[in-house]
């Protein structure tokens, strides 16, 4: 049976759980979007320049979202793979 003290903690607990779930969902969405950027960039580079080396793939996998966006734009005008990353 819940005591008076226990009952006052329930709303705070529920609020904490809600906040935690929201933050978790937000992080999950961010990670999913980042994974999508990585997949798209890898596909575009492979299509344009052929099979990518493991070193290039690892560089893409470890990149920050800002780098992925920059490289994604450079792919459009690059004549060589090196131009994307320079």
N, C-alpha and C. Protein backbone atom coordinates (compact mmCIF):
# COMPACT_ATOMS: atom_id res chain seq x y z
N UNK A 1 0.84 -1.17 0.00
CA UNK A 1 0.00 0.00 0.00
C UNK A 1 0.89 1.24 0.00
N UNK A 2 0.50 2.26 -0.77
CA UNK A 2 1.28 3.48 -0.88
C UNK A 2 1.04 4.40 0.30
N UNK A 3 2.10 4.94 0.82
CA UNK A 3 1.98 5.94 1.87
C UNK A 3 1.83 7.31 1.23
N UNK A 4 1.56 8.32 2.04
CA UNK A 4 1.42 9.68 1.53
C UNK A 4 2.70 10.13 0.80
N UNK A 5 3.85 9.81 1.34
CA UNK A 5 5.12 10.19 0.73
C UNK A 5 5.28 9.51 -0.62
N UNK A 6 4.96 8.24 -0.70
CA UNK A 6 5.07 7.51 -1.96
C UNK A 6 4.17 8.13 -3.02
N UNK A 7 2.99 8.53 -2.67
CA UNK A 7 2.04 9.09 -3.63
C UNK A 7 2.52 10.43 -4.18
N UNK A 8 3.25 11.20 -3.39
CA UNK A 8 3.73 12.49 -3.91
C UNK A 8 4.91 12.30 -4.85
N UNK A 9 5.55 11.19 -4.80
CA UNK A 9 6.70 10.92 -5.67
C UNK A 9 6.28 10.39 -7.03
N UNK A 10 5.13 9.82 -7.14
CA UNK A 10 4.69 9.22 -8.39
C UNK A 10 4.66 10.22 -9.54
N UNK A 11 4.06 11.40 -9.40
CA UNK A 11 4.06 12.34 -10.52
C UNK A 11 5.47 12.74 -10.95
N UNK A 12 6.37 12.95 -10.01
CA UNK A 12 7.75 13.31 -10.36
C UNK A 12 8.42 12.16 -11.11
N UNK A 13 8.16 10.95 -10.65
CA UNK A 13 8.71 9.77 -11.31
C UNK A 13 8.18 9.67 -12.74
N UNK A 14 6.88 9.86 -12.90
CA UNK A 14 6.27 9.80 -14.23
C UNK A 14 6.82 10.90 -15.13
N UNK A 15 6.99 12.10 -14.58
CA UNK A 15 7.55 13.21 -15.35
C UNK A 15 8.98 12.88 -15.79
N UNK A 16 9.75 12.31 -14.87
CA UNK A 16 11.11 11.90 -15.20
C UNK A 16 11.14 10.85 -16.29
N UNK A 17 10.24 9.90 -16.21
CA UNK A 17 10.15 8.86 -17.23
C UNK A 17 9.78 9.44 -18.58
N UNK A 18 8.80 10.35 -18.60
CA UNK A 18 8.39 10.99 -19.85
C UNK A 18 9.54 11.75 -20.48
N UNK A 19 10.24 12.52 -19.65
CA UNK A 19 11.37 13.30 -20.16
C UNK A 19 12.45 12.37 -20.71
N UNK A 20 12.73 11.30 -20.00
CA UNK A 20 13.72 10.34 -20.46
C UNK A 20 13.33 9.70 -21.78
N UNK A 21 12.07 9.35 -21.91
CA UNK A 21 11.59 8.76 -23.17
C UNK A 21 11.70 9.75 -24.32
N UNK A 22 11.32 11.01 -24.07
CA UNK A 22 11.41 12.03 -25.11
C UNK A 22 12.85 12.23 -25.56
N UNK A 23 13.76 12.32 -24.59
CA UNK A 23 15.17 12.51 -24.93
C UNK A 23 15.71 11.30 -25.69
N UNK A 24 15.31 10.12 -25.28
CA UNK A 24 15.74 8.91 -25.97
C UNK A 24 15.23 8.86 -27.40
N UNK A 25 13.97 9.24 -27.59
CA UNK A 25 13.41 9.26 -28.94
C UNK A 25 14.12 10.29 -29.81
N UNK A 26 14.41 11.45 -29.23
CA UNK A 26 15.10 12.50 -29.98
C UNK A 26 16.49 12.04 -30.41
N UNK A 27 17.22 11.43 -29.48
CA UNK A 27 18.55 10.92 -29.81
C UNK A 27 18.46 9.84 -30.87
N UNK A 28 17.47 8.99 -30.76
CA UNK A 28 17.29 7.93 -31.75
C UNK A 28 17.00 8.48 -33.13
N UNK A 29 16.19 9.52 -33.19
CA UNK A 29 15.89 10.14 -34.48
C UNK A 29 17.14 10.79 -35.06
N UNK A 30 17.92 11.47 -34.22
CA UNK A 30 19.16 12.09 -34.69
C UNK A 30 20.12 11.03 -35.24
N UNK A 31 20.27 9.93 -34.51
CA UNK A 31 21.15 8.85 -34.96
C UNK A 31 20.64 8.24 -36.26
N UNK A 32 19.33 8.10 -36.38
CA UNK A 32 18.75 7.56 -37.61
C UNK A 32 18.99 8.47 -38.79
N UNK A 33 18.86 9.77 -38.58
CA UNK A 33 19.11 10.73 -39.66
C UNK A 33 20.59 10.71 -40.05
N UNK A 34 21.46 10.63 -39.06
CA UNK A 34 22.90 10.57 -39.34
C UNK A 34 23.23 9.30 -40.12
N UNK A 35 22.63 8.19 -39.72
CA UNK A 35 22.86 6.93 -40.44
C UNK A 35 22.37 7.04 -41.88
N UNK A 36 21.26 7.75 -42.09
CA UNK A 36 20.75 7.97 -43.43
C UNK A 36 21.71 8.79 -44.27
N UNK A 37 22.31 9.82 -43.66
CA UNK A 37 23.30 10.64 -44.37
C UNK A 37 24.51 9.79 -44.78
N UNK A 38 24.96 8.96 -43.86
CA UNK A 38 26.11 8.09 -44.14
C UNK A 38 25.79 7.14 -45.29
N UNK A 39 24.63 6.54 -45.24
CA UNK A 39 24.23 5.60 -46.29
C UNK A 39 24.12 6.29 -47.64
N UNK A 40 23.48 7.45 -47.67
CA UNK A 40 23.32 8.17 -48.94
C UNK A 40 24.67 8.60 -49.50
N UNK A 41 25.53 9.18 -48.66
CA UNK A 41 26.84 9.62 -49.14
C UNK A 41 27.65 8.44 -49.66
N UNK A 42 27.63 7.34 -48.95
CA UNK A 42 28.36 6.15 -49.39
C UNK A 42 27.85 5.66 -50.73
N UNK A 43 26.55 5.65 -50.90
CA UNK A 43 25.97 5.20 -52.18
C UNK A 43 26.33 6.14 -53.32
N UNK A 44 26.25 7.45 -53.07
CA UNK A 44 26.58 8.42 -54.12
C UNK A 44 28.05 8.31 -54.52
N UNK A 45 28.93 8.21 -53.53
CA UNK A 45 30.35 8.09 -53.83
C UNK A 45 30.66 6.80 -54.58
N UNK A 46 30.05 5.70 -54.17
CA UNK A 46 30.26 4.42 -54.85
C UNK A 46 29.76 4.48 -56.28
N UNK A 47 28.63 5.09 -56.48
CA UNK A 47 28.06 5.20 -57.82
C UNK A 47 28.95 6.05 -58.72
N UNK A 48 29.47 7.14 -58.18
CA UNK A 48 30.25 8.08 -58.99
C UNK A 48 31.70 7.63 -59.16
N UNK A 49 32.31 7.05 -58.12
CA UNK A 49 33.74 6.76 -58.16
C UNK A 49 34.09 5.28 -58.06
N UNK A 50 33.11 4.42 -57.95
CA UNK A 50 33.39 2.99 -57.85
C UNK A 50 33.52 2.54 -56.39
N UNK A 51 34.02 1.34 -56.23
CA UNK A 51 34.16 0.75 -54.90
C UNK A 51 35.03 1.63 -54.00
N UNK A 52 34.55 1.87 -52.80
CA UNK A 52 35.28 2.70 -51.84
C UNK A 52 36.21 1.83 -50.99
N UNK A 53 37.36 2.38 -50.67
CA UNK A 53 38.30 1.66 -49.82
C UNK A 53 37.76 1.62 -48.39
N UNK A 54 38.21 0.64 -47.62
CA UNK A 54 37.79 0.59 -46.21
C UNK A 54 38.16 1.88 -45.45
N UNK A 55 39.28 2.51 -45.83
CA UNK A 55 39.69 3.74 -45.16
C UNK A 55 38.68 4.86 -45.40
N UNK A 56 38.18 4.97 -46.63
CA UNK A 56 37.18 5.99 -46.95
C UNK A 56 35.87 5.69 -46.23
N UNK A 57 35.47 4.44 -46.25
CA UNK A 57 34.23 4.05 -45.57
C UNK A 57 34.31 4.34 -44.07
N UNK A 58 35.45 4.06 -43.47
CA UNK A 58 35.63 4.33 -42.04
C UNK A 58 35.60 5.83 -41.77
N UNK A 59 36.20 6.61 -42.66
CA UNK A 59 36.19 8.07 -42.50
C UNK A 59 34.76 8.60 -42.52
N UNK A 60 33.96 8.09 -43.42
CA UNK A 60 32.55 8.50 -43.52
C UNK A 60 31.79 8.07 -42.26
N UNK A 61 32.00 6.84 -41.84
CA UNK A 61 31.30 6.32 -40.65
C UNK A 61 31.63 7.11 -39.38
N UNK A 62 32.82 7.68 -39.31
CA UNK A 62 33.26 8.41 -38.12
C UNK A 62 33.05 9.92 -38.22
N UNK A 63 32.49 10.38 -39.32
CA UNK A 63 32.35 11.82 -39.55
C UNK A 63 31.24 12.44 -38.71
N UNK A 64 31.40 13.72 -38.45
CA UNK A 64 30.35 14.50 -37.78
C UNK A 64 29.28 14.85 -38.82
N UNK A 65 28.07 15.12 -38.39
CA UNK A 65 26.99 15.47 -39.32
C UNK A 65 27.34 16.65 -40.24
N UNK A 66 28.07 17.64 -39.72
CA UNK A 66 28.45 18.79 -40.53
C UNK A 66 29.38 18.37 -41.68
N UNK A 67 30.30 17.46 -41.39
CA UNK A 67 31.20 16.96 -42.42
C UNK A 67 30.42 16.19 -43.48
N UNK A 68 29.50 15.36 -43.04
CA UNK A 68 28.70 14.59 -43.99
C UNK A 68 27.94 15.51 -44.93
N UNK A 69 27.39 16.59 -44.40
CA UNK A 69 26.64 17.54 -45.23
C UNK A 69 27.57 18.21 -46.24
N UNK A 70 28.74 18.62 -45.80
CA UNK A 70 29.71 19.26 -46.70
C UNK A 70 30.14 18.31 -47.80
N UNK A 71 30.49 17.10 -47.44
CA UNK A 71 30.92 16.11 -48.43
C UNK A 71 29.79 15.78 -49.39
N UNK A 72 28.57 15.74 -48.89
CA UNK A 72 27.42 15.47 -49.75
C UNK A 72 27.25 16.54 -50.82
N UNK A 73 27.52 17.79 -50.46
CA UNK A 73 27.45 18.88 -51.44
C UNK A 73 28.60 18.79 -52.44
N UNK A 74 29.78 18.47 -51.96
CA UNK A 74 30.96 18.40 -52.83
C UNK A 74 30.87 17.27 -53.84
N UNK A 75 30.16 16.22 -53.51
CA UNK A 75 30.03 15.08 -54.43
C UNK A 75 29.45 15.53 -55.77
N UNK A 76 28.61 16.54 -55.73
CA UNK A 76 27.94 16.99 -56.95
C UNK A 76 28.90 17.54 -57.99
N UNK A 77 29.96 18.21 -57.54
CA UNK A 77 30.88 18.85 -58.48
C UNK A 77 32.25 18.18 -58.56
N UNK A 78 32.53 17.23 -57.70
CA UNK A 78 33.85 16.60 -57.66
C UNK A 78 34.10 15.74 -58.89
N UNK A 79 35.32 15.88 -59.42
CA UNK A 79 35.75 15.03 -60.54
C UNK A 79 36.52 13.81 -60.03
N UNK A 80 37.12 13.98 -58.85
CA UNK A 80 37.89 12.90 -58.22
C UNK A 80 37.42 12.74 -56.78
N UNK A 81 37.57 11.55 -56.26
CA UNK A 81 37.16 11.26 -54.89
C UNK A 81 37.86 12.18 -53.89
N UNK A 82 39.14 12.46 -54.12
CA UNK A 82 39.90 13.32 -53.20
C UNK A 82 39.27 14.71 -53.07
N UNK A 83 38.64 15.20 -54.12
CA UNK A 83 38.03 16.53 -54.09
C UNK A 83 36.86 16.60 -53.10
N UNK A 84 36.24 15.50 -52.85
CA UNK A 84 35.12 15.47 -51.90
C UNK A 84 35.62 15.75 -50.48
N UNK A 85 36.77 15.21 -50.15
CA UNK A 85 37.28 15.29 -48.78
C UNK A 85 38.30 16.40 -48.56
N UNK A 86 38.64 17.15 -49.60
CA UNK A 86 39.65 18.22 -49.42
C UNK A 86 39.05 19.52 -48.95
